[in-house]
N, C-alpha and C. Protein backbone atom coordinates (compact mmCIF):
# COMPACT_ATOMS: atom_id res chain seq x y z
N MET A 1 100.13 146.43 109.61
CA MET A 1 100.38 145.12 110.32
C MET A 1 99.93 145.27 111.76
N PHE A 2 99.50 144.13 112.50
CA PHE A 2 98.96 143.71 113.78
C PHE A 2 97.64 144.47 113.91
N TRP A 3 97.49 145.66 114.36
CA TRP A 3 96.20 146.32 114.67
C TRP A 3 95.91 147.47 113.86
N ARG A 4 96.57 147.79 112.64
CA ARG A 4 96.29 148.91 111.97
C ARG A 4 95.12 149.25 111.59
N LYS A 5 94.20 148.15 111.40
CA LYS A 5 92.82 148.51 111.04
C LYS A 5 91.78 148.98 112.04
N HIS A 6 92.33 148.74 113.29
CA HIS A 6 91.27 149.15 114.39
C HIS A 6 91.96 150.34 115.20
N LYS A 7 91.52 151.39 114.39
CA LYS A 7 91.77 152.66 114.97
C LYS A 7 91.13 153.10 116.04
N GLU A 8 90.05 152.60 116.55
CA GLU A 8 89.63 153.06 117.87
C GLU A 8 90.59 152.56 118.89
N ILE A 9 90.97 151.15 118.73
CA ILE A 9 91.84 150.43 119.71
C ILE A 9 93.22 151.61 119.87
N GLU A 10 93.64 151.68 118.71
CA GLU A 10 95.01 152.64 118.55
C GLU A 10 94.84 153.68 119.31
N ALA A 11 93.75 154.54 118.97
CA ALA A 11 93.62 155.57 119.93
C ALA A 11 93.49 155.56 121.20
N LEU A 12 92.78 154.60 121.74
CA LEU A 12 92.73 154.33 123.24
C LEU A 12 94.04 153.99 123.85
N VAL A 13 94.81 153.05 123.12
CA VAL A 13 96.22 152.78 123.72
C VAL A 13 97.17 154.01 123.60
N LEU A 14 97.09 154.66 122.63
CA LEU A 14 97.97 156.16 122.65
C LEU A 14 97.54 156.89 123.39
N GLU A 15 96.09 157.19 123.85
CA GLU A 15 95.48 157.88 124.93
C GLU A 15 96.12 157.71 126.30
N HIS A 16 96.16 156.17 126.62
CA HIS A 16 96.62 155.73 127.76
C HIS A 16 98.20 156.05 127.78
N LEU A 17 98.89 155.81 126.86
CA LEU A 17 100.38 155.95 126.81
C LEU A 17 100.48 157.56 127.25
N GLY A 18 99.70 158.67 126.63
CA GLY A 18 99.70 159.91 126.89
C GLY A 18 99.79 160.25 128.42
N HIS A 19 98.73 159.41 128.98
CA HIS A 19 98.37 159.77 130.45
C HIS A 19 99.55 159.23 131.25
N VAL A 20 100.35 158.18 130.72
CA VAL A 20 101.55 157.78 131.49
C VAL A 20 102.59 158.62 131.20
N ASP A 21 102.55 159.23 130.11
CA ASP A 21 103.63 160.21 129.85
C ASP A 21 103.50 161.38 130.60
N ALA A 22 102.51 161.80 130.86
CA ALA A 22 102.01 163.07 131.77
C ALA A 22 102.44 162.74 133.07
N THR A 23 102.12 161.48 133.61
CA THR A 23 102.70 161.08 134.80
C THR A 23 103.97 161.07 135.08
N LEU A 24 104.67 160.82 133.97
CA LEU A 24 106.27 160.53 134.36
C LEU A 24 106.88 161.96 134.09
N GLN A 25 106.23 162.98 133.41
CA GLN A 25 106.84 164.34 133.32
C GLN A 25 106.49 165.14 134.75
N VAL A 26 105.40 165.02 135.23
CA VAL A 26 105.17 165.75 136.54
C VAL A 26 106.08 164.95 137.73
N PHE A 27 106.21 163.54 137.49
CA PHE A 27 107.19 162.77 138.33
C PHE A 27 108.49 163.51 138.27
N SER A 28 108.99 163.79 137.24
CA SER A 28 110.47 164.27 136.93
C SER A 28 110.51 165.60 137.57
N ARG A 29 109.28 166.51 137.45
CA ARG A 29 109.39 167.91 138.19
C ARG A 29 109.55 167.86 139.56
N SER A 30 108.85 166.83 140.15
CA SER A 30 108.74 166.62 141.49
C SER A 30 110.24 166.16 142.16
N LEU A 31 110.68 165.30 141.39
CA LEU A 31 112.14 164.87 141.74
C LEU A 31 113.11 165.99 141.72
N ASP A 32 112.95 166.69 140.53
CA ASP A 32 114.06 167.88 140.47
C ASP A 32 113.99 168.79 141.55
N ALA A 33 112.65 169.17 141.81
CA ALA A 33 112.35 170.15 142.88
C ALA A 33 112.85 169.67 144.29
N TYR A 34 112.64 168.32 144.64
CA TYR A 34 113.12 167.74 145.77
C TYR A 34 114.70 167.63 145.73
N LEU A 35 115.10 167.16 144.84
CA LEU A 35 116.71 166.73 144.90
C LEU A 35 117.63 167.93 144.52
N ARG A 36 117.32 168.70 143.54
CA ARG A 36 117.93 169.62 143.00
C ARG A 36 118.02 171.11 143.71
N GLU A 37 116.70 171.37 144.02
CA GLU A 37 116.37 172.56 144.44
C GLU A 37 116.01 172.52 146.01
N GLY A 38 115.73 171.56 146.71
CA GLY A 38 115.40 171.21 147.86
C GLY A 38 114.14 171.85 148.49
N ASP A 39 113.24 171.87 147.28
CA ASP A 39 112.00 172.60 147.47
C ASP A 39 110.72 171.53 147.74
N VAL A 40 110.64 171.14 149.09
CA VAL A 40 109.94 170.04 149.40
C VAL A 40 108.03 170.47 149.09
N GLU A 41 107.87 171.70 149.13
CA GLU A 41 106.52 172.27 149.14
C GLU A 41 106.14 171.82 147.54
N THR A 42 107.06 172.30 146.80
CA THR A 42 106.84 172.15 145.24
C THR A 42 106.92 170.86 144.83
N ALA A 43 107.78 170.08 145.45
CA ALA A 43 107.89 168.65 145.10
C ALA A 43 106.59 167.79 145.45
N ASP A 44 106.17 168.18 146.75
CA ASP A 44 104.87 167.69 147.20
C ASP A 44 103.57 167.83 146.25
N ARG A 45 103.55 169.22 145.65
CA ARG A 45 102.58 169.58 144.73
C ARG A 45 102.61 168.82 143.42
N TYR A 46 103.80 168.65 142.97
CA TYR A 46 103.90 167.93 141.82
C TYR A 46 103.73 166.30 142.02
N ALA A 47 104.05 165.83 143.26
CA ALA A 47 103.73 164.54 143.57
C ALA A 47 102.18 164.22 143.58
N LEU A 48 101.41 165.21 143.83
CA LEU A 48 99.98 165.29 143.99
C LEU A 48 99.45 164.91 142.42
N GLU A 49 100.15 165.97 141.78
CA GLU A 49 99.83 165.91 140.39
C GLU A 49 100.17 164.57 139.60
N THR A 50 101.23 163.95 140.27
CA THR A 50 101.69 162.56 139.48
C THR A 50 100.64 161.60 139.94
N HIS A 51 100.07 161.58 141.23
CA HIS A 51 98.86 160.73 141.63
C HIS A 51 97.80 161.02 140.63
N LEU A 52 97.28 162.22 140.43
CA LEU A 52 96.33 162.37 139.57
C LEU A 52 96.29 161.95 138.23
N ALA A 53 97.40 162.14 137.64
CA ALA A 53 97.83 161.87 136.36
C ALA A 53 97.65 160.28 136.23
N GLU A 54 98.43 159.56 137.06
CA GLU A 54 98.39 158.15 137.43
C GLU A 54 96.85 157.56 137.26
N GLY A 55 96.01 158.55 138.01
CA GLY A 55 94.56 157.74 138.16
C GLY A 55 93.89 157.80 136.84
N ARG A 56 94.32 159.12 135.97
CA ARG A 56 93.70 159.18 134.64
C ARG A 56 94.19 158.03 133.75
N ALA A 57 95.53 157.76 134.11
CA ALA A 57 96.02 156.58 133.09
C ALA A 57 95.24 155.16 133.44
N ASP A 58 95.00 154.90 134.57
CA ASP A 58 94.18 153.86 135.20
C ASP A 58 92.68 154.05 134.49
N ASP A 59 92.16 154.98 134.55
CA ASP A 59 90.72 155.22 133.84
C ASP A 59 90.84 154.98 132.43
N ALA A 60 91.82 155.22 131.76
CA ALA A 60 92.13 154.90 130.37
C ALA A 60 92.52 153.56 130.06
N ARG A 61 93.13 152.86 130.95
CA ARG A 61 93.44 151.45 130.72
C ARG A 61 92.12 150.63 130.92
N ARG A 62 91.24 151.11 131.89
CA ARG A 62 89.93 150.51 132.17
C ARG A 62 89.07 150.55 130.88
N ARG A 63 89.01 151.75 130.15
CA ARG A 63 88.34 151.58 128.92
C ARG A 63 88.83 150.75 127.65
N ILE A 64 90.34 150.79 127.76
CA ILE A 64 90.59 149.67 126.64
C ILE A 64 90.29 148.40 127.17
N GLU A 65 90.38 148.01 128.27
CA GLU A 65 89.87 146.67 128.72
C GLU A 65 88.35 146.42 128.42
N THR A 66 87.60 147.26 128.77
CA THR A 66 86.17 147.23 128.30
C THR A 66 85.91 147.10 126.88
N GLN A 67 86.69 147.73 126.00
CA GLN A 67 86.54 147.61 124.58
C GLN A 67 87.17 146.65 124.08
N LEU A 68 88.20 145.93 124.63
CA LEU A 68 88.65 144.69 124.06
C LEU A 68 87.56 143.60 124.40
N LEU A 69 87.12 143.55 125.70
CA LEU A 69 86.35 142.48 126.25
C LEU A 69 85.07 142.38 125.41
N SER A 70 84.74 143.50 124.63
CA SER A 70 83.49 143.42 123.71
C SER A 70 83.68 142.54 122.40
N GLY A 71 85.15 142.22 122.16
CA GLY A 71 85.40 141.17 121.26
C GLY A 71 85.68 141.93 119.84
N SER A 72 86.07 143.29 119.94
CA SER A 72 86.53 143.77 118.63
C SER A 72 87.82 143.22 118.00
N LEU A 73 88.58 142.57 118.74
CA LEU A 73 89.95 142.15 118.11
C LEU A 73 89.86 140.38 118.32
N LEU A 74 90.72 139.74 117.60
CA LEU A 74 90.95 138.34 118.01
C LEU A 74 91.42 138.16 119.14
N PRO A 75 91.26 136.90 119.84
CA PRO A 75 91.76 136.69 121.29
C PRO A 75 93.29 136.98 121.22
N THR A 76 94.22 136.59 120.33
CA THR A 76 95.49 136.66 120.46
C THR A 76 95.92 138.34 120.43
N SER A 77 95.35 139.10 119.73
CA SER A 77 95.51 140.63 119.75
C SER A 77 95.07 141.17 121.05
N ARG A 78 93.90 140.77 121.40
CA ARG A 78 93.39 141.28 122.74
C ARG A 78 94.60 140.83 123.88
N ARG A 79 94.95 139.82 123.85
CA ARG A 79 96.05 139.41 124.83
C ARG A 79 96.96 140.28 124.84
N ASP A 80 97.76 140.35 123.43
CA ASP A 80 98.93 141.23 123.47
C ASP A 80 98.73 142.71 123.84
N ILE A 81 97.78 143.25 123.53
CA ILE A 81 97.39 144.83 123.84
C ILE A 81 97.08 144.87 125.19
N LEU A 82 96.49 144.00 125.88
CA LEU A 82 96.41 143.90 127.38
C LEU A 82 97.66 143.89 128.21
N GLN A 83 98.59 143.02 127.63
CA GLN A 83 99.84 142.74 128.20
C GLN A 83 100.74 144.03 127.98
N ILE A 84 100.56 144.80 126.81
CA ILE A 84 101.21 146.04 126.76
C ILE A 84 100.88 147.22 127.53
N ILE A 85 99.63 147.45 127.67
CA ILE A 85 98.98 148.40 128.52
C ILE A 85 99.25 148.16 129.95
N GLU A 86 99.39 146.80 130.39
CA GLU A 86 99.61 146.47 131.63
C GLU A 86 101.27 146.91 132.05
N GLN A 87 102.16 146.65 131.17
CA GLN A 87 103.41 146.98 131.38
C GLN A 87 103.75 148.58 131.23
N VAL A 88 102.84 149.20 130.44
CA VAL A 88 103.03 150.65 130.39
C VAL A 88 102.65 151.21 131.67
N ASP A 89 101.61 150.80 132.13
CA ASP A 89 100.86 151.26 133.38
C ASP A 89 101.87 151.14 134.51
N ARG A 90 102.53 150.02 134.48
CA ARG A 90 103.76 149.60 135.62
C ARG A 90 104.48 150.78 135.79
N LEU A 91 104.88 151.64 134.59
CA LEU A 91 105.67 152.68 134.58
C LEU A 91 105.18 153.80 135.69
N ALA A 92 104.01 154.04 135.42
CA ALA A 92 103.42 154.90 136.20
C ALA A 92 103.25 154.81 137.77
N ASN A 93 102.93 153.43 137.86
CA ASN A 93 103.03 153.04 139.23
C ASN A 93 104.21 153.08 139.90
N ALA A 94 105.27 152.71 139.17
CA ALA A 94 106.77 152.88 139.66
C ALA A 94 107.01 154.45 139.99
N ALA A 95 106.60 155.30 139.17
CA ALA A 95 106.87 156.74 139.69
C ALA A 95 106.07 157.28 140.92
N GLU A 96 105.07 156.55 141.02
CA GLU A 96 104.22 157.03 142.27
C GLU A 96 105.05 156.31 143.50
N GLU A 97 105.50 155.11 143.37
CA GLU A 97 106.06 154.54 144.42
C GLU A 97 107.39 155.27 144.71
N ILE A 98 108.15 155.68 143.97
CA ILE A 98 109.49 156.49 144.20
C ILE A 98 109.29 157.66 145.01
N LEU A 99 107.93 158.40 144.43
CA LEU A 99 107.72 159.58 145.24
C LEU A 99 107.17 159.45 146.70
N ASP A 100 106.44 158.47 146.68
CA ASP A 100 105.86 158.14 148.08
C ASP A 100 107.20 157.90 149.08
N TYR A 101 108.21 157.14 148.61
CA TYR A 101 109.11 156.54 149.26
C TYR A 101 110.06 157.90 149.76
N LEU A 102 110.45 158.68 148.63
CA LEU A 102 111.28 159.82 148.80
C LEU A 102 110.51 160.83 149.75
N LEU A 103 109.45 161.37 149.44
CA LEU A 103 108.66 162.49 150.05
C LEU A 103 108.19 161.98 151.56
N LEU A 104 107.73 160.92 151.69
CA LEU A 104 107.19 160.47 153.02
C LEU A 104 108.37 160.28 154.20
N GLN A 105 109.35 159.73 153.65
CA GLN A 105 110.69 159.37 154.50
C GLN A 105 111.63 160.79 154.58
N ARG A 106 111.37 161.78 153.67
CA ARG A 106 112.26 162.84 153.46
C ARG A 106 113.58 162.44 153.38
N VAL A 107 113.86 161.51 152.38
CA VAL A 107 115.38 161.00 152.14
C VAL A 107 116.25 162.07 151.97
N GLU A 108 117.52 162.15 152.41
CA GLU A 108 118.47 163.10 152.22
C GLU A 108 119.35 162.51 151.31
N VAL A 109 119.48 162.85 149.97
CA VAL A 109 120.54 162.23 149.22
C VAL A 109 121.77 162.82 149.33
N PRO A 110 122.89 162.27 149.60
CA PRO A 110 124.30 163.05 149.82
C PRO A 110 124.74 163.63 148.67
N ASP A 111 125.54 164.75 148.51
CA ASP A 111 126.05 165.23 147.24
C ASP A 111 126.93 164.39 146.70
N GLY A 112 127.58 163.44 147.36
CA GLY A 112 128.73 162.66 146.87
C GLY A 112 128.11 161.72 145.79
N ILE A 113 126.65 161.34 145.71
CA ILE A 113 125.97 160.46 144.71
C ILE A 113 125.22 161.33 143.97
N MET A 114 125.11 162.57 144.05
CA MET A 114 123.97 163.17 143.31
C MET A 114 124.15 163.25 141.64
N PRO A 115 125.60 163.47 141.27
CA PRO A 115 125.67 163.17 139.81
C PRO A 115 125.21 161.95 139.16
N GLU A 116 125.38 160.86 139.77
CA GLU A 116 124.79 159.39 139.42
C GLU A 116 123.18 159.52 139.43
N ILE A 117 122.83 160.00 140.61
CA ILE A 117 121.25 160.08 140.58
C ILE A 117 120.63 161.04 139.54
N THR A 118 121.37 162.09 139.36
CA THR A 118 120.99 163.05 138.44
C THR A 118 120.93 162.45 137.05
N GLU A 119 122.10 161.68 136.72
CA GLU A 119 122.22 161.04 135.48
C GLU A 119 121.10 159.83 135.10
N ILE A 120 120.91 159.07 136.22
CA ILE A 120 119.70 158.28 136.17
C ILE A 120 118.71 158.83 135.86
N GLY A 121 118.20 159.84 136.31
CA GLY A 121 116.96 160.66 135.84
C GLY A 121 116.85 160.99 134.41
N VAL A 122 118.00 161.35 133.90
CA VAL A 122 118.23 161.89 132.66
C VAL A 122 117.96 160.53 131.57
N GLN A 123 118.75 159.71 131.97
CA GLN A 123 118.55 158.30 131.20
C GLN A 123 117.07 157.74 131.33
N THR A 124 116.58 157.86 132.51
CA THR A 124 115.25 157.24 132.52
C THR A 124 114.07 158.08 131.66
N ASN A 125 114.37 159.35 131.71
CA ASN A 125 113.58 160.27 130.69
C ASN A 125 113.77 159.76 129.24
N ASN A 126 115.09 159.38 128.80
CA ASN A 126 115.53 158.96 127.62
C ASN A 126 114.73 157.67 127.11
N THR A 127 114.73 156.79 128.21
CA THR A 127 114.29 155.62 128.04
C THR A 127 112.79 155.55 127.83
N PHE A 128 111.83 156.35 128.44
CA PHE A 128 110.39 156.58 128.28
C PHE A 128 110.36 157.13 126.90
N ASP A 129 111.05 158.16 126.40
CA ASP A 129 110.91 158.44 125.05
C ASP A 129 111.00 157.21 124.19
N GLU A 130 111.91 156.36 124.33
CA GLU A 130 112.02 155.19 123.43
C GLU A 130 110.81 154.43 123.50
N VAL A 131 110.26 154.28 124.79
CA VAL A 131 109.06 153.53 124.96
C VAL A 131 107.83 153.93 124.18
N LYS A 132 107.55 155.33 124.36
CA LYS A 132 106.56 155.84 123.63
C LYS A 132 106.65 155.66 122.00
N LYS A 133 107.97 155.53 121.49
CA LYS A 133 108.32 155.47 119.98
C LYS A 133 107.83 154.05 119.86
N ALA A 134 108.57 153.08 120.70
CA ALA A 134 108.18 151.88 120.32
C ALA A 134 106.74 151.12 120.43
N VAL A 135 105.94 151.74 121.28
CA VAL A 135 104.66 151.39 121.53
C VAL A 135 103.81 152.14 120.25
N THR A 136 103.95 153.32 119.91
CA THR A 136 103.42 153.89 118.56
C THR A 136 103.84 153.08 117.37
N SER A 137 104.94 152.82 117.28
CA SER A 137 105.32 152.13 115.95
C SER A 137 104.90 150.78 115.74
N LEU A 138 104.23 150.24 116.96
CA LEU A 138 103.60 148.81 116.62
C LEU A 138 102.21 149.03 115.80
N PHE A 139 101.79 150.18 115.79
CA PHE A 139 100.62 150.44 114.99
C PHE A 139 101.02 151.13 113.46
N GLN A 140 102.50 151.19 113.21
CA GLN A 140 102.57 151.93 111.98
C GLN A 140 103.89 151.19 111.41
N ASP A 141 105.01 150.68 112.31
CA ASP A 141 106.18 150.27 111.51
C ASP A 141 106.84 149.42 112.53
N VAL A 142 106.42 148.07 112.60
CA VAL A 142 107.16 147.19 113.55
C VAL A 142 108.66 147.12 113.40
N ASP A 143 109.14 147.17 112.27
CA ASP A 143 110.85 147.21 112.17
C ASP A 143 111.14 148.46 112.88
N GLN A 144 110.65 149.41 112.80
CA GLN A 144 110.96 150.58 113.55
C GLN A 144 110.96 150.57 115.22
N ALA A 145 109.63 149.61 115.66
CA ALA A 145 109.48 149.32 116.87
C ALA A 145 110.81 148.56 117.60
N LEU A 146 111.40 147.59 116.84
CA LEU A 146 112.45 146.86 117.27
C LEU A 146 113.57 147.57 117.34
N GLU A 147 113.87 148.60 116.37
CA GLU A 147 114.93 149.59 116.66
C GLU A 147 114.74 150.46 118.02
N HIS A 148 113.57 150.80 118.47
CA HIS A 148 113.42 151.49 119.75
C HIS A 148 113.57 150.40 120.92
N THR A 149 113.14 149.16 120.85
CA THR A 149 113.33 148.21 121.89
C THR A 149 114.94 148.12 122.04
N LYS A 150 115.65 147.91 121.08
CA LYS A 150 117.18 147.90 121.31
C LYS A 150 117.65 149.21 122.08
N ALA A 151 117.21 150.43 121.50
CA ALA A 151 117.69 151.53 122.43
C ALA A 151 117.24 151.41 123.78
N ILE A 152 116.15 150.94 124.17
CA ILE A 152 115.63 150.74 125.48
C ILE A 152 116.40 149.86 126.41
N GLU A 153 117.03 148.84 125.63
CA GLU A 153 117.73 147.83 126.38
C GLU A 153 119.31 148.49 126.72
N GLN A 154 119.64 149.25 125.64
CA GLN A 154 121.06 149.97 125.74
C GLN A 154 120.90 150.84 126.94
N LEU A 155 119.96 151.65 127.02
CA LEU A 155 119.78 152.75 127.84
C LEU A 155 119.54 151.94 129.40
N GLU A 156 118.90 151.01 129.49
CA GLU A 156 118.80 150.21 130.86
C GLU A 156 120.03 149.73 131.24
N GLY A 157 120.82 149.39 130.42
CA GLY A 157 122.16 148.87 130.93
C GLY A 157 122.98 150.02 131.29
N GLU A 158 122.97 151.13 130.81
CA GLU A 158 123.57 152.24 131.43
C GLU A 158 122.97 152.58 132.80
N VAL A 159 121.72 152.56 133.09
CA VAL A 159 121.11 153.04 134.20
C VAL A 159 121.67 152.04 135.29
N ASP A 160 121.80 150.41 134.80
CA ASP A 160 122.37 149.63 135.69
C ASP A 160 123.82 149.97 136.13
N HIS A 161 124.64 150.57 135.24
CA HIS A 161 126.03 150.84 135.46
C HIS A 161 125.87 151.97 136.68
N LEU A 162 125.27 153.02 136.26
CA LEU A 162 125.04 154.07 137.16
C LEU A 162 124.56 153.70 138.49
N GLU A 163 123.63 152.78 138.71
CA GLU A 163 123.28 152.31 139.84
C GLU A 163 124.31 151.50 140.77
N ARG A 164 125.23 150.79 140.09
CA ARG A 164 126.28 150.20 140.80
C ARG A 164 127.22 151.05 141.50
N ARG A 165 127.52 152.15 140.44
CA ARG A 165 128.55 153.19 140.80
C ARG A 165 127.98 153.92 142.07
N ALA A 166 126.72 154.47 141.98
CA ALA A 166 126.10 155.35 143.12
C ALA A 166 126.11 154.48 144.40
N VAL A 167 125.74 153.01 144.35
CA VAL A 167 125.83 152.31 145.46
C VAL A 167 127.07 152.09 146.13
N LYS A 168 128.12 151.80 145.27
CA LYS A 168 129.56 151.79 145.80
C LYS A 168 129.81 152.99 146.39
N ARG A 169 129.50 154.20 145.84
CA ARG A 169 130.07 155.46 146.39
C ARG A 169 129.24 155.66 147.71
N LEU A 170 127.94 155.45 147.81
CA LEU A 170 127.07 155.46 148.86
C LEU A 170 127.71 154.85 150.22
N PHE A 171 128.00 153.49 149.84
CA PHE A 171 128.60 152.72 151.10
C PHE A 171 130.03 153.11 151.41
N ALA A 172 130.66 153.94 150.82
CA ALA A 172 131.85 154.39 150.97
C ALA A 172 131.81 155.62 151.75
N LEU A 173 130.71 156.32 152.02
CA LEU A 173 130.56 157.76 152.54
C LEU A 173 130.67 157.42 154.11
N ASP A 174 131.13 158.40 154.81
CA ASP A 174 130.87 158.32 156.25
C ASP A 174 129.94 158.89 156.94
N ILE A 175 128.46 158.10 156.62
CA ILE A 175 127.21 158.35 157.28
C ILE A 175 126.84 157.04 158.03
N GLU A 176 125.67 157.15 158.73
CA GLU A 176 125.22 156.11 159.40
C GLU A 176 124.80 155.02 158.54
N LEU A 177 124.76 153.67 158.97
CA LEU A 177 124.32 152.62 158.14
C LEU A 177 122.77 152.82 157.94
N ALA A 178 122.07 153.15 158.90
CA ALA A 178 120.65 153.27 158.72
C ALA A 178 120.45 154.07 157.45
N ARG A 179 121.03 155.49 157.43
CA ARG A 179 120.87 156.12 156.36
C ARG A 179 121.40 155.80 155.05
N LYS A 180 122.29 155.13 155.00
CA LYS A 180 122.81 154.45 153.75
C LYS A 180 121.58 153.43 153.20
N LEU A 181 121.06 152.60 154.04
CA LEU A 181 120.25 151.54 153.80
C LEU A 181 118.94 152.36 153.28
N GLN A 182 118.40 153.55 153.71
CA GLN A 182 117.37 154.19 153.36
C GLN A 182 117.47 154.93 151.79
N ILE A 183 118.84 155.26 151.69
CA ILE A 183 119.09 155.92 150.43
C ILE A 183 119.20 154.85 149.46
N SER A 184 119.83 153.59 149.70
CA SER A 184 120.02 152.63 148.87
C SER A 184 118.41 151.93 148.21
N GLY A 185 117.60 152.16 149.37
CA GLY A 185 116.01 151.74 148.93
C GLY A 185 115.62 152.81 148.01
N PHE A 186 115.97 153.94 148.00
CA PHE A 186 115.55 155.09 147.02
C PHE A 186 116.06 154.59 145.73
N ILE A 187 117.39 154.45 145.67
CA ILE A 187 118.05 153.94 144.38
C ILE A 187 117.49 152.83 143.77
N GLN A 188 117.27 151.78 144.58
CA GLN A 188 116.50 150.62 144.04
C GLN A 188 115.20 150.97 143.42
N ARG A 189 114.45 151.93 143.97
CA ARG A 189 113.13 152.28 143.53
C ARG A 189 113.18 153.15 142.10
N LEU A 190 114.01 154.00 142.18
CA LEU A 190 114.25 154.87 141.19
C LEU A 190 114.73 153.92 139.77
N VAL A 191 115.54 152.97 139.72
CA VAL A 191 116.01 152.35 138.78
C VAL A 191 114.81 151.35 138.31
N ARG A 192 113.86 151.11 139.04
CA ARG A 192 112.84 150.11 138.56
C ARG A 192 111.95 150.58 137.32
N LEU A 193 112.14 152.06 137.21
CA LEU A 193 111.37 152.58 135.85
C LEU A 193 112.10 152.12 134.79
N SER A 194 113.34 152.13 134.56
CA SER A 194 114.23 151.58 133.60
C SER A 194 114.15 150.10 133.53
N ASP A 195 113.84 149.35 134.55
CA ASP A 195 113.68 147.75 134.59
C ASP A 195 112.42 147.37 134.10
N ARG A 196 111.40 148.26 134.35
CA ARG A 196 109.99 147.94 133.84
C ARG A 196 110.04 148.33 132.22
N ALA A 197 110.77 149.33 131.87
CA ALA A 197 110.77 149.69 130.45
C ALA A 197 111.46 148.71 129.65
N GLU A 198 112.48 148.02 130.35
CA GLU A 198 112.94 146.84 129.60
C GLU A 198 112.13 145.63 129.71
N ASP A 199 111.53 145.48 130.57
CA ASP A 199 110.06 144.43 130.51
C ASP A 199 109.39 144.51 129.27
N LEU A 200 108.98 145.91 129.15
CA LEU A 200 108.03 146.22 127.94
C LEU A 200 108.65 145.93 126.77
N SER A 201 109.99 146.15 126.68
CA SER A 201 110.64 146.27 125.42
C SER A 201 110.80 144.61 125.19
N ASP A 202 111.04 143.85 126.03
CA ASP A 202 111.13 142.31 125.73
C ASP A 202 109.77 141.77 125.44
N LEU A 203 108.72 142.24 125.92
CA LEU A 203 107.27 142.08 125.54
C LEU A 203 106.93 142.28 124.07
N ILE A 204 107.33 143.57 123.67
CA ILE A 204 107.15 144.01 122.30
C ILE A 204 107.83 143.04 121.34
N GLU A 205 109.18 142.69 121.82
CA GLU A 205 110.01 141.81 120.94
C GLU A 205 109.31 140.35 120.65
N LEU A 206 108.90 139.86 121.74
CA LEU A 206 108.21 138.71 121.63
C LEU A 206 106.94 138.59 120.94
N ILE A 207 106.09 139.65 120.99
CA ILE A 207 104.93 139.78 120.45
C ILE A 207 105.34 139.82 118.79
N VAL A 208 106.34 140.64 118.49
CA VAL A 208 106.70 140.82 116.99
C VAL A 208 107.14 139.63 116.39
N ALA A 209 107.83 138.73 117.10
CA ALA A 209 108.49 137.46 116.86
C ALA A 209 107.39 136.61 116.71
N ALA A 210 106.33 136.29 117.40
CA ALA A 210 105.42 135.45 117.57
C ALA A 210 104.52 135.72 116.26
N ARG A 211 104.22 137.02 115.86
CA ARG A 211 103.55 137.32 114.64
C ARG A 211 104.18 136.88 113.30
N ARG A 212 105.49 136.86 113.32
CA ARG A 212 106.32 136.68 112.16
C ARG A 212 106.52 135.04 112.07
N VAL A 213 106.25 134.35 113.12
CA VAL A 213 106.23 132.85 112.82
C VAL A 213 105.37 132.56 111.70
């Protein structure tokens, strides 16, 4: 179904997905080094790897765009794939933004909200696992893709709940307002990963629905 016969396009889309996956893996290592271990040097090193991996994802995205512009698919299919890779790419961009904010400002996250922050990180990783399965399933089993989009939406709801709890606890702490606002900004950026994953799941569901009409 969809683009099954276009193996070259499928390979390029999955290559791009792999680069975004690599970006998010080193992003997670940077986040852990900074928040759990307090190791700024290691966090900075992984942040650089995050930027390099995101650059490779951009290169892969441009190759897909060039291939699609050559007219190897119908216009509707070209539009669908371009939208998908754009949404996937936004995940890598969000990871870069989070680390830039955290490391450039040397944000100090209080112990009082660390359990929520840690759990947001865990659920975000779980969300991207579902993203990979959803995108891959578009080339193999569309019904399975929809099962993964449902999982993404559920995980995003859990992250929203954790965000609200973290912000509530944050503003109950006895620390300076300026610091609260800085930490709140970090939390807002951190949850954008799951928000953008949900945007992708919505797009996949729309594409599947349009093709079934």
